[in-house]
PDB file of N, CA and C in Angstrom:
ATOM      1  N   UNK A   1     -16.078  10.902  -9.837  1.00  0.00           N
ATOM      2  CA  UNK A   1     -16.172  11.213  -8.416  1.00  0.00           C
ATOM      3  C   UNK A   1     -16.008   9.922  -7.628  1.00  0.00           C
ATOM      4  N   UNK A   2     -15.218   9.992  -6.608  1.00  0.00           N
ATOM      5  CA  UNK A   2     -14.932   8.827  -5.769  1.00  0.00           C
ATOM      6  C   UNK A   2     -15.928   8.794  -4.599  1.00  0.00           C
ATOM      7  N   UNK A   3     -16.434   7.619  -4.281  1.00  0.00           N
ATOM      8  CA  UNK A   3     -17.417   7.492  -3.207  1.00  0.00           C
ATOM      9  C   UNK A   3     -16.712   7.405  -1.850  1.00  0.00           C
ATOM     10  N   UNK A   4     -17.462   7.563  -0.779  1.00  0.00           N
ATOM     11  CA  UNK A   4     -16.920   7.432   0.580  1.00  0.00           C
ATOM     12  C   UNK A   4     -16.372   6.025   0.794  1.00  0.00           C
ATOM     13  N   UNK A   5     -17.082   5.032   0.280  1.00  0.00           N
ATOM     14  CA  UNK A   5     -16.631   3.647   0.408  1.00  0.00           C
ATOM     15  C   UNK A   5     -15.288   3.442  -0.296  1.00  0.00           C
ATOM     16  N   UNK A   6     -15.151   4.011  -1.486  1.00  0.00           N
ATOM     17  CA  UNK A   6     -13.887   3.911  -2.227  1.00  0.00           C
ATOM     18  C   UNK A   6     -12.767   4.639  -1.490  1.00  0.00           C
ATOM     19  N   UNK A   7     -13.087   5.783  -0.882  1.00  0.00           N
ATOM     20  CA  UNK A   7     -12.095   6.513  -0.084  1.00  0.00           C
ATOM     21  C   UNK A   7     -11.610   5.662   1.082  1.00  0.00           C
ATOM     22  N   UNK A   8     -12.544   5.002   1.766  1.00  0.00           N
ATOM     23  CA  UNK A   8     -12.171   4.141   2.897  1.00  0.00           C
ATOM     24  C   UNK A   8     -11.294   2.984   2.438  1.00  0.00           C
ATOM     25  N   UNK A   9     -11.615   2.414   1.283  1.00  0.00           N
ATOM     26  CA  UNK A   9     -10.820   1.317   0.745  1.00  0.00           C
ATOM     27  C   UNK A   9      -9.398   1.784   0.427  1.00  0.00           C
ATOM     28  N   UNK A  10      -9.276   2.902  -0.248  1.00  0.00           N
ATOM     29  CA  UNK A  10      -7.947   3.419  -0.602  1.00  0.00           C
ATOM     30  C   UNK A  10      -7.141   3.770   0.643  1.00  0.00           C
ATOM     31  N   UNK A  11      -7.804   4.337   1.649  1.00  0.00           N
ATOM     32  CA  UNK A  11      -7.122   4.649   2.911  1.00  0.00           C
ATOM     33  C   UNK A  11      -6.625   3.378   3.587  1.00  0.00           C
ATOM     34  N   UNK A  12      -7.462   2.334   3.572  1.00  0.00           N
ATOM     35  CA  UNK A  12      -7.077   1.054   4.179  1.00  0.00           C
ATOM     36  C   UNK A  12      -5.902   0.425   3.432  1.00  0.00           C
ATOM     37  N   UNK A  13      -5.896   0.525   2.120  1.00  0.00           N
ATOM     38  CA  UNK A  13      -4.771   0.014   1.324  1.00  0.00           C
ATOM     39  C   UNK A  13      -3.501   0.782   1.686  1.00  0.00           C
ATOM     40  N   UNK A  14      -3.599   2.103   1.770  1.00  0.00           N
ATOM     41  CA  UNK A  14      -2.444   2.921   2.140  1.00  0.00           C
ATOM     42  C   UNK A  14      -1.912   2.574   3.516  1.00  0.00           C
ATOM     43  N   UNK A  15      -2.808   2.366   4.462  1.00  0.00           N
ATOM     44  CA  UNK A  15      -2.390   2.004   5.826  1.00  0.00           C
ATOM     45  C   UNK A  15      -1.707   0.639   5.834  1.00  0.00           C
ATOM     46  N   UNK A  16      -2.242  -0.294   5.057  1.00  0.00           N
ATOM     47  CA  UNK A  16      -1.649  -1.639   5.000  1.00  0.00           C
ATOM     48  C   UNK A  16      -0.268  -1.592   4.354  1.00  0.00           C
ATOM     49  N   UNK A  17      -0.108  -0.788   3.306  1.00  0.00           N
ATOM     50  CA  UNK A  17       1.195  -0.632   2.651  1.00  0.00           C
ATOM     51  C   UNK A  17       2.202  -0.042   3.637  1.00  0.00           C
ATOM     52  N   UNK A  18       1.793   0.980   4.379  1.00  0.00           N
ATOM     53  CA  UNK A  18       2.664   1.610   5.375  1.00  0.00           C
ATOM     54  C   UNK A  18       3.073   0.605   6.448  1.00  0.00           C
ATOM     55  N   UNK A  19       2.089  -0.174   6.918  1.00  0.00           N
ATOM     56  CA  UNK A  19       2.359  -1.183   7.942  1.00  0.00           C
ATOM     57  C   UNK A  19       3.403  -2.193   7.459  1.00  0.00           C
ATOM     58  N   UNK A  20       3.256  -2.670   6.229  1.00  0.00           N
ATOM     59  CA  UNK A  20       4.205  -3.639   5.684  1.00  0.00           C
ATOM     60  C   UNK A  20       5.610  -3.035   5.567  1.00  0.00           C
ATOM     61  N   UNK A  21       5.680  -1.776   5.130  1.00  0.00           N
ATOM     62  CA  UNK A  21       6.975  -1.107   5.009  1.00  0.00           C
ATOM     63  C   UNK A  21       7.674  -1.054   6.362  1.00  0.00           C
ATOM     64  N   UNK A  22       6.938  -0.651   7.378  1.00  0.00           N
ATOM     65  CA  UNK A  22       7.527  -0.538   8.716  1.00  0.00           C
ATOM     66  C   UNK A  22       7.906  -1.905   9.268  1.00  0.00           C
ATOM     67  N   UNK A  23       7.075  -2.911   9.031  1.00  0.00           N
ATOM     68  CA  UNK A  23       7.394  -4.270   9.483  1.00  0.00           C
ATOM     69  C   UNK A  23       8.667  -4.785   8.827  1.00  0.00           C
ATOM     70  N   UNK A  24       8.918  -4.339   7.606  1.00  0.00           N
ATOM     71  CA  UNK A  24      10.123  -4.754   6.880  1.00  0.00           C
ATOM     72  C   UNK A  24      11.354  -3.982   7.350  1.00  0.00           C
ATOM     73  N   UNK A  25      11.165  -3.040   8.279  1.00  0.00           N
ATOM     74  CA  UNK A  25      12.298  -2.317   8.839  1.00  0.00           C
ATOM     75  C   UNK A  25      12.636  -1.014   8.142  1.00  0.00           C
ATOM     76  N   UNK A  26      11.753  -0.553   7.289  1.00  0.00           N
ATOM     77  CA  UNK A  26      11.977   0.711   6.590  1.00  0.00           C
ATOM     78  C   UNK A  26      11.275   1.837   7.336  1.00  0.00           C
ATOM     79  N   UNK A  27      12.026   2.716   7.964  1.00  0.00           N
ATOM     80  CA  UNK A  27      11.409   3.861   8.626  1.00  0.00           C
ATOM     81  C   UNK A  27      11.121   4.961   7.608  1.00  0.00           C
ATOM     82  N   UNK A  28      11.781   4.894   6.477  1.00  0.00           N
ATOM     83  CA  UNK A  28      11.662   5.931   5.449  1.00  0.00           C
ATOM     84  C   UNK A  28      10.923   5.414   4.218  1.00  0.00           C
ATOM     85  N   UNK A  29       9.952   6.194   3.773  1.00  0.00           N
ATOM     86  CA  UNK A  29       9.271   5.875   2.509  1.00  0.00           C
ATOM     87  C   UNK A  29      10.277   5.914   1.362  1.00  0.00           C
ATOM     88  N   UNK A  30      11.184   6.888   1.419  1.00  0.00           N
ATOM     89  CA  UNK A  30      12.166   7.070   0.334  1.00  0.00           C
ATOM     90  C   UNK A  30      13.027   5.831   0.127  1.00  0.00           C
ATOM     91  N   UNK A  31      13.534   5.275   1.209  1.00  0.00           N
ATOM     92  CA  UNK A  31      14.411   4.100   1.114  1.00  0.00           C
ATOM     93  C   UNK A  31      13.648   2.904   0.559  1.00  0.00           C
ATOM     94  N   UNK A  32      12.416   2.704   1.045  1.00  0.00           N
ATOM     95  CA  UNK A  32      11.631   1.592   0.524  1.00  0.00           C
ATOM     96  C   UNK A  32      11.348   1.791  -0.962  1.00  0.00           C
ATOM     97  N   UNK A  33      10.939   2.989  -1.338  1.00  0.00           N
ATOM     98  CA  UNK A  33      10.631   3.264  -2.746  1.00  0.00           C
ATOM     99  C   UNK A  33      11.850   2.986  -3.617  1.00  0.00           C
ATOM    100  N   UNK A  34      13.016   3.421  -3.170  1.00  0.00           N
ATOM    101  CA  UNK A  34      14.249   3.194  -3.931  1.00  0.00           C
ATOM    102  C   UNK A  34      14.526   1.693  -4.052  1.00  0.00           C
ATOM    103  N   UNK A  35      14.471   0.980  -2.926  1.00  0.00           N
ATOM    104  CA  UNK A  35      14.779  -0.449  -2.928  1.00  0.00           C
ATOM    105  C   UNK A  35      13.780  -1.270  -3.733  1.00  0.00           C
ATOM    106  N   UNK A  36      12.539  -0.830  -3.798  1.00  0.00           N
ATOM    107  CA  UNK A  36      11.517  -1.583  -4.541  1.00  0.00           C
ATOM    108  C   UNK A  36      11.295  -1.042  -5.949  1.00  0.00           C
ATOM    109  N   UNK A  37      12.106  -0.064  -6.334  1.00  0.00           N
ATOM    110  CA  UNK A  37      12.077   0.495  -7.693  1.00  0.00           C
ATOM    111  C   UNK A  37      10.718   1.117  -8.052  1.00  0.00           C
ATOM    112  N   UNK A  38      10.197   1.901  -7.102  1.00  0.00           N
ATOM    113  CA  UNK A  38       8.947   2.638  -7.303  1.00  0.00           C
ATOM    114  C   UNK A  38       9.288   4.119  -7.148  1.00  0.00           C
ATOM    115  N   UNK A  39       8.835   4.971  -8.049  1.00  0.00           N
ATOM    116  CA  UNK A  39       9.127   6.401  -7.880  1.00  0.00           C
ATOM    117  C   UNK A  39       8.707   6.895  -6.493  1.00  0.00           C
ATOM    118  N   UNK A  40       9.608   7.608  -5.837  1.00  0.00           N
ATOM    119  CA  UNK A  40       9.425   8.048  -4.452  1.00  0.00           C
ATOM    120  C   UNK A  40       8.116   8.799  -4.249  1.00  0.00           C
ATOM    121  N   UNK A  41       7.839   9.779  -5.079  1.00  0.00           N
ATOM    122  CA  UNK A  41       6.618  10.587  -4.930  1.00  0.00           C
ATOM    123  C   UNK A  41       5.366   9.728  -5.118  1.00  0.00           C
ATOM    124  N   UNK A  42       5.429   8.806  -6.052  1.00  0.00           N
ATOM    125  CA  UNK A  42       4.280   7.924  -6.296  1.00  0.00           C
ATOM    126  C   UNK A  42       4.038   7.022  -5.089  1.00  0.00           C
ATOM    127  N   UNK A  43       5.111   6.473  -4.534  1.00  0.00           N
ATOM    128  CA  UNK A  43       4.964   5.600  -3.374  1.00  0.00           C
ATOM    129  C   UNK A  43       4.362   6.363  -2.194  1.00  0.00           C
ATOM    130  N   UNK A  44       4.796   7.583  -1.984  1.00  0.00           N
ATOM    131  CA  UNK A  44       4.246   8.407  -0.894  1.00  0.00           C
ATOM    132  C   UNK A  44       2.742   8.594  -1.078  1.00  0.00           C
ATOM    133  N   UNK A  45       2.298   8.780  -2.316  1.00  0.00           N
ATOM    134  CA  UNK A  45       0.862   8.922  -2.593  1.00  0.00           C
ATOM    135  C   UNK A  45       0.111   7.631  -2.269  1.00  0.00           C
ATOM    136  N   UNK A  46       0.713   6.492  -2.546  1.00  0.00           N
ATOM    137  CA  UNK A  46       0.061   5.215  -2.229  1.00  0.00           C
ATOM    138  C   UNK A  46      -0.206   5.114  -0.734  1.00  0.00           C
ATOM    139  N   UNK A  47       0.782   5.475   0.077  1.00  0.00           N
ATOM    140  CA  UNK A  47       0.605   5.388   1.524  1.00  0.00           C
ATOM    141  C   UNK A  47      -0.441   6.380   2.026  1.00  0.00           C
ATOM    142  N   UNK A  48      -0.658   7.446   1.298  1.00  0.00           N
ATOM    143  CA  UNK A  48      -1.674   8.434   1.688  1.00  0.00           C
ATOM    144  C   UNK A  48      -3.076   8.016   1.250  1.00  0.00           C
ATOM    145  N   UNK A  49      -3.165   6.947   0.475  1.00  0.00           N
ATOM    146  CA  UNK A  49      -4.478   6.473   0.050  1.00  0.00           C
ATOM    147  C   UNK A  49      -4.918   7.018  -1.289  1.00  0.00           C
ATOM    148  N   UNK A  50      -3.957   7.441  -2.099  1.00  0.00           N
ATOM    149  CA  UNK A  50      -4.284   7.882  -3.455  1.00  0.00           C
ATOM    150  C   UNK A  50      -4.435   6.634  -4.319  1.00  0.00           C
ATOM    151  N   UNK A  51      -5.294   6.688  -5.304  1.00  0.00           N
ATOM    152  CA  UNK A  51      -5.585   5.537  -6.147  1.00  0.00           C
ATOM    153  C   UNK A  51      -4.314   4.843  -6.622  1.00  0.00           C
ATOM    154  N   UNK A  52      -4.298   3.529  -6.503  1.00  0.00           N
ATOM    155  CA  UNK A  52      -3.143   2.711  -6.866  1.00  0.00           C
ATOM    156  C   UNK A  52      -3.594   1.689  -7.900  1.00  0.00           C
ATOM    157  N   UNK A  53      -2.737   1.401  -8.860  1.00  0.00           N
ATOM    158  CA  UNK A  53      -3.084   0.378  -9.844  1.00  0.00           C
ATOM    159  C   UNK A  53      -2.826  -1.006  -9.260  1.00  0.00           C
ATOM    160  N   UNK A  54      -3.483  -1.978  -9.797  1.00  0.00           N
ATOM    161  CA  UNK A  54      -3.275  -3.358  -9.364  1.00  0.00           C
ATOM    162  C   UNK A  54      -1.820  -3.768  -9.608  1.00  0.00           C
ATOM    163  N   UNK A  55      -1.254  -3.353 -10.724  1.00  0.00           N
ATOM    164  CA  UNK A  55       0.131  -3.717 -11.023  1.00  0.00           C
ATOM    165  C   UNK A  55       1.102  -3.108 -10.012  1.00  0.00           C
ATOM    166  N   UNK A  56       0.849  -1.877  -9.591  1.00  0.00           N
ATOM    167  CA  UNK A  56       1.704  -1.256  -8.582  1.00  0.00           C
ATOM    168  C   UNK A  56       1.547  -1.959  -7.240  1.00  0.00           C
ATOM    169  N   UNK A  57       0.326  -2.279  -6.870  1.00  0.00           N
ATOM    170  CA  UNK A  57       0.095  -2.997  -5.626  1.00  0.00           C
ATOM    171  C   UNK A  57       0.778  -4.365  -5.680  1.00  0.00           C
ATOM    172  N   UNK A  58       0.683  -5.029  -6.812  1.00  0.00           N
ATOM    173  CA  UNK A  58       1.320  -6.325  -6.975  1.00  0.00           C
ATOM    174  C   UNK A  58       2.832  -6.222  -6.799  1.00  0.00           C
ATOM    175  N   UNK A  59       3.425  -5.183  -7.320  1.00  0.00           N
ATOM    176  CA  UNK A  59       4.867  -4.965  -7.179  1.00  0.00           C
ATOM    177  C   UNK A  59       5.241  -4.826  -5.696  1.00  0.00           C
ATOM    178  N   UNK A  60       4.439  -4.099  -4.955  1.00  0.00           N
ATOM    179  CA  UNK A  60       4.701  -3.890  -3.529  1.00  0.00           C
ATOM    180  C   UNK A  60       4.564  -5.193  -2.756  1.00  0.00           C
ATOM    181  N   UNK A  61       3.505  -5.940  -2.999  1.00  0.00           N
ATOM    182  CA  UNK A  61       3.322  -7.165  -2.218  1.00  0.00           C
ATOM    183  C   UNK A  61       4.335  -8.235  -2.615  1.00  0.00           C
ATOM    184  N   UNK A  62       4.765  -8.242  -3.875  1.00  0.00           N
ATOM    185  CA  UNK A  62       5.811  -9.179  -4.277  1.00  0.00           C
ATOM    186  C   UNK A  62       7.111  -8.862  -3.545  1.00  0.00           C
ATOM    187  N   UNK A  63       7.392  -7.583  -3.350  1.00  0.00           N
ATOM    188  CA  UNK A  63       8.593  -7.192  -2.611  1.00  0.00           C
ATOM    189  C   UNK A  63       8.531  -7.768  -1.196  1.00  0.00           C
ATOM    190  N   UNK A  64       7.360  -7.744  -0.589  1.00  0.00           N
ATOM    191  CA  UNK A  64       7.188  -8.241   0.776  1.00  0.00           C
ATOM    192  C   UNK A  64       6.987  -9.766   0.828  1.00  0.00           C
ATOM    193  N   UNK A  65       6.953 -10.382  -0.343  1.00  0.00           N
ATOM    194  CA  UNK A  65       6.802 -11.843  -0.450  1.00  0.00           C
ATOM    195  C   UNK A  65       5.512 -12.344   0.214  1.00  0.00           C
ATOM    196  N   UNK A  66       4.419 -11.644  -0.090  1.00  0.00           N
ATOM    197  CA  UNK A  66       3.113 -12.075   0.382  1.00  0.00           C
ATOM    198  C   UNK A  66       2.159 -12.128  -0.808  1.00  0.00           C
ATOM    199  N   UNK A  67       1.040 -12.799  -0.613  1.00  0.00           N
ATOM    200  CA  UNK A  67       0.030 -12.908  -1.672  1.00  0.00           C
ATOM    201  C   UNK A  67      -0.991 -11.778  -1.527  1.00  0.00           C
ATOM    202  N   UNK A  68      -1.803 -11.607  -2.557  1.00  0.00           N
ATOM    203  CA  UNK A  68      -2.906 -10.650  -2.468  1.00  0.00           C
ATOM    204  C   UNK A  68      -3.833 -11.023  -1.323  1.00  0.00           C
ATOM    205  N   UNK A  69      -4.072 -12.314  -1.155  1.00  0.00           N
ATOM    206  CA  UNK A  69      -4.930 -12.772  -0.068  1.00  0.00           C
ATOM    207  C   UNK A  69      -4.353 -12.358   1.288  1.00  0.00           C
ATOM    208  N   UNK A  70      -3.054 -12.565   1.476  1.00  0.00           N
ATOM    209  CA  UNK A  70      -2.427 -12.164   2.740  1.00  0.00           C
ATOM    210  C   UNK A  70      -2.517 -10.648   2.937  1.00  0.00           C
ATOM    211  N   UNK A  71      -2.327  -9.904   1.865  1.00  0.00           N
ATOM    212  CA  UNK A  71      -2.401  -8.447   1.949  1.00  0.00           C
ATOM    213  C   UNK A  71      -3.774  -8.010   2.440  1.00  0.00           C
ATOM    214  N   UNK A  72      -4.820  -8.565   1.850  1.00  0.00           N
ATOM    215  CA  UNK A  72      -6.178  -8.133   2.162  1.00  0.00           C
ATOM    216  C   UNK A  72      -6.783  -8.824   3.385  1.00  0.00           C
ATOM    217  N   UNK A  73      -6.053  -9.739   4.005  1.00  0.00           N
ATOM    218  CA  UNK A  73      -6.558 -10.423   5.196  1.00  0.00           C
ATOM    219  C   UNK A  73      -6.491  -9.571   6.448  1.00  0.00           C
ATOM    220  N   UNK A  74      -5.802  -8.456   6.426  1.00  0.00           N
ATOM    221  CA  UNK A  74      -5.622  -7.661   7.630  1.00  0.00           C
ATOM    222  C   UNK A  74      -6.021  -6.207   7.372  1.00  0.00           C
ATOM    223  N   UNK A  75      -6.933  -5.691   8.194  1.00  0.00           N
ATOM    224  CA  UNK A  75      -7.286  -4.276   8.169  1.00  0.00           C
ATOM    225  C   UNK A  75      -8.391  -3.870   7.222  1.00  0.00           C
ATOM    226  N   UNK A  76      -9.032  -4.828   6.584  1.00  0.00           N
ATOM    227  CA  UNK A  76     -10.071  -4.476   5.616  1.00  0.00           C
ATOM    228  C   UNK A  76     -11.474  -4.846   6.070  1.00  0.00           C
ATOM    229  N   UNK A  77     -11.586  -5.386   7.274  1.00  0.00           N
ATOM    230  CA  UNK A  77     -12.900  -5.781   7.773  1.00  0.00           C
ATOM    231  C   UNK A  77     -13.819  -4.592   8.015  1.00  0.00           C
ATOM    232  N   UNK A  78     -13.254  -3.402   8.239  1.00  0.00           N
ATOM    233  CA  UNK A  78     -14.079  -2.223   8.480  1.00  0.00           C
ATOM    234  C   UNK A  78     -14.386  -1.422   7.220  1.00  0.00           C
ATOM    235  N   UNK A  79     -13.914  -1.887   6.069  1.00  0.00           N
ATOM    236  CA  UNK A  79     -14.179  -1.205   4.800  1.00  0.00           C
ATOM    237  C   UNK A  79     -15.473  -1.766   4.242  1.00  0.00           C
ATOM    238  N   UNK A  80     -16.511  -0.953   4.272  1.00  0.00           N
ATOM    239  CA  UNK A  80     -17.823  -1.368   3.778  1.00  0.00           C
ATOM    240  C   UNK A  80     -18.545  -0.206   3.186  1.00  0.00           C
TER     241      UNK A  80
END
């Protein structure tokens, strides 16, 4: 069973992933998923806040050329 805190964390990760995609100029989840070599349906679940593996998250942030620290520096202050 997932806790409320874990739900908030996953939602925040999904929102941050979506934000990065849009900042990179991708209006479509499908195009980003294709370009970053992530299965389309799986990527859509990540943006919705479904549990993501560290390796998958790492693949996404490497595509955006940012560090884990940079990823988590924005939008996570309200996750408690």
